Amino acid sequence: MAGMRTEIPATHRDILESRGVSFISTIRPDGLISTHPVSLLWDGETLRFSSGKSLQKVRNLRADDRITVCIPDPANALRYLEIRGHADIEDDPDRRFIDRIAKEFMGVEKYPYDPPGFERVTITIRIAQVSGSAVVGASRKS
């Protein structure tokens, strides 16, 4: 598609850096869409989040790797960033990534909420398309 943006626009990078809640959407086996809140990390190049290896969103992505992420601006929900792409799933056996999320979002060294033996994966989003809000009144600081 002509004009399809694949980079995060400078006008919306602050949303990724805000550490607000993000919503990912996956495709269920019955073809319906499933949406879940996640803690998304952006390192300036890559978008990643963690999930339990056995959870439905991971099963959905193993069957169909298409994913959409919507990240509202915590200061103004009418201003948002939407990213469409494909998910790569990688085991997190040493829990390094989930512990990084715990440090970034919770200020603790280790993620405290998984039961013993709970297996984690890291999902990396390969960006195919990026769009942002252009809603009147959805300015950065409104």
Protein backbone atom coordinates (compact mmCIF):
# COMPACT_ATOMS: atom_id res chain seq x y z
CA MET A 1 0.00 0.00 0.00
CA ALA A 2 1.34 3.40 -0.91
CA GLY A 3 2.01 5.68 2.01
CA MET A 4 1.83 2.93 4.64
CA ARG A 5 3.82 4.07 7.68
CA THR A 6 5.98 1.49 9.46
CA GLU A 7 7.88 3.78 11.83
CA ILE A 8 6.61 5.34 15.03
CA PRO A 9 5.96 9.00 14.24
CA ALA A 10 7.85 11.51 16.37
CA THR A 11 4.50 13.11 17.25
CA HIS A 12 3.42 9.95 19.08
CA ARG A 13 6.64 8.50 20.57
CA ASP A 14 5.79 10.06 23.93
CA ILE A 15 2.82 7.67 24.17
CA LEU A 16 5.17 4.67 24.02
CA GLU A 17 7.47 6.25 26.58
CA SER A 18 4.61 7.00 29.02
CA ARG A 19 4.42 3.42 30.32
CA GLY A 20 0.62 3.47 30.18
CA VAL A 21 -1.51 0.41 29.56
CA SER A 22 -1.54 -1.03 26.02
CA PHE A 23 -4.18 -3.25 24.45
CA ILE A 24 -3.29 -6.08 22.10
CA SER A 25 -5.76 -7.79 19.82
CA THR A 26 -5.35 -11.30 18.46
CA ILE A 27 -7.54 -13.56 16.35
CA ARG A 28 -9.27 -16.41 18.14
CA PRO A 29 -9.73 -19.87 16.57
CA ASP A 30 -13.38 -19.02 15.83
CA GLY A 31 -12.27 -15.91 13.88
CA LEU A 32 -13.46 -13.39 16.45
CA ILE A 33 -11.05 -10.84 17.87
CA SER A 34 -9.76 -11.00 21.44
CA THR A 35 -8.30 -7.93 23.21
CA HIS A 36 -6.12 -7.91 26.33
CA PRO A 37 -4.30 -5.23 28.34
CA VAL A 38 -0.52 -5.68 28.48
CA SER A 39 2.57 -3.85 29.70
CA LEU A 40 4.42 -3.05 26.51
CA LEU A 41 8.11 -2.14 26.39
CA TRP A 42 9.50 0.05 23.61
CA ASP A 43 13.29 0.37 23.45
CA GLY A 44 13.33 2.86 20.59
CA GLU A 45 13.27 0.12 17.96
CA THR A 46 11.35 -2.90 19.21
CA LEU A 47 7.96 -3.45 20.87
CA ARG A 48 7.72 -6.38 23.28
CA PHE A 49 5.46 -7.75 25.99
CA SER A 50 5.36 -10.84 28.17
CA SER A 51 2.68 -13.46 28.54
CA GLY A 52 2.13 -16.85 30.06
CA LYS A 53 3.11 -19.59 27.63
CA SER A 54 -0.20 -21.42 28.11
CA LEU A 55 -2.53 -18.41 27.83
CA GLN A 56 -5.11 -17.98 25.08
CA LYS A 57 -3.48 -14.90 23.53
CA VAL A 58 -0.28 -16.92 22.99
CA ARG A 59 -2.24 -19.85 21.53
CA ASN A 60 -4.01 -17.36 19.24
CA LEU A 61 -0.69 -15.92 18.06
CA ARG A 62 0.82 -19.37 17.47
CA ALA A 63 -2.12 -20.16 15.18
CA ASP A 64 -2.22 -16.73 13.49
CA ASP A 65 0.62 -14.32 14.17
CA ARG A 66 -1.32 -11.18 13.21
CA ILE A 67 -1.57 -8.66 16.05
CA THR A 68 -2.77 -5.13 16.62
CA VAL A 69 -1.68 -2.91 19.51
CA CYS A 70 -3.57 0.18 20.61
CA ILE A 71 -1.84 2.47 23.08
CA PRO A 72 -3.89 5.39 24.42
CA ASP A 73 -2.16 8.47 25.75
CA PRO A 74 -2.60 8.26 29.55
CA ALA A 75 -3.27 12.02 29.61
CA ASN A 76 -5.88 11.94 26.81
CA ALA A 77 -7.50 8.69 25.68
CA LEU A 78 -8.64 10.32 22.41
CA ARG A 79 -4.98 10.50 21.41
CA TYR A 80 -3.54 7.07 20.66
CA LEU A 81 -1.10 5.03 18.64
CA GLU A 82 -2.16 1.92 16.73
CA ILE A 83 0.36 -0.63 15.48
CA ARG A 84 -0.45 -3.59 13.26
CA GLY A 85 1.96 -6.38 12.54
CA HIS A 86 3.06 -9.91 13.26
CA ALA A 87 4.21 -11.52 16.49
CA ASP A 88 7.35 -13.52 17.13
CA ILE A 89 7.18 -15.68 20.26
CA GLU A 90 10.26 -16.63 22.24
CA ASP A 91 10.53 -18.55 25.51
CA ASP A 92 11.66 -16.57 28.57
CA PRO A 93 13.01 -19.48 30.68
CA ASP A 94 15.20 -17.32 32.93
CA ARG A 95 12.36 -14.76 33.33
CA ARG A 96 14.73 -11.98 32.31
CA PHE A 97 12.13 -10.14 30.24
CA ILE A 98 9.20 -10.36 32.66
CA ASP A 99 11.53 -9.15 35.42
CA ARG A 100 12.53 -6.20 33.22
CA ILE A 101 8.84 -5.34 32.87
CA ALA A 102 8.44 -5.63 36.66
CA LYS A 103 11.30 -3.19 37.15
CA GLU A 104 10.03 -0.72 34.53
CA PHE A 105 6.34 -0.78 35.48
CA MET A 106 6.32 -1.80 39.15
CA GLY A 107 9.70 -0.72 40.47
CA VAL A 108 10.55 -4.22 41.74
CA GLU A 109 13.38 -6.58 40.73
CA LYS A 110 11.28 -9.74 40.23
CA TYR A 111 7.76 -10.15 38.83
CA PRO A 112 5.81 -11.27 41.91
CA TYR A 113 2.50 -12.65 40.62
CA ASP A 114 3.24 -15.92 38.79
CA PRO A 115 2.70 -19.21 40.60
CA PRO A 116 5.69 -21.59 40.86
CA GLY A 117 6.52 -23.23 37.53
CA PHE A 118 4.56 -20.70 35.46
CA GLU A 119 6.24 -20.48 32.05
CA ARG A 120 6.63 -17.15 30.29
CA VAL A 121 7.21 -16.08 26.69
CA THR A 122 8.30 -12.79 25.20
CA ILE A 123 6.29 -11.53 22.23
CA THR A 124 8.07 -9.21 19.81
CA ILE A 125 5.95 -7.27 17.33
CA ARG A 126 7.23 -6.95 13.77
CA ILE A 127 5.63 -3.68 12.70
CA ALA A 128 3.77 -3.69 9.39
CA GLN A 129 1.69 -0.51 9.79
CA VAL A 130 1.50 2.40 12.23
CA SER A 131 -1.23 4.99 12.61
CA GLY A 132 -2.11 7.55 15.22
CA SER A 133 -5.09 9.60 16.23
CA ALA A 134 -5.99 12.61 14.18
CA VAL A 135 -9.11 13.40 16.19
CA VAL A 136 -9.97 17.06 16.61
CA GLY A 137 -9.36 17.92 20.23
CA ALA A 138 -6.93 15.03 20.71
CA SER A 139 -3.86 17.18 21.12
CA ARG A 140 -0.89 16.07 23.13
CA LYS A 141 -1.67 17.95 26.35
CA SER A 142 -5.44 18.49 26.18
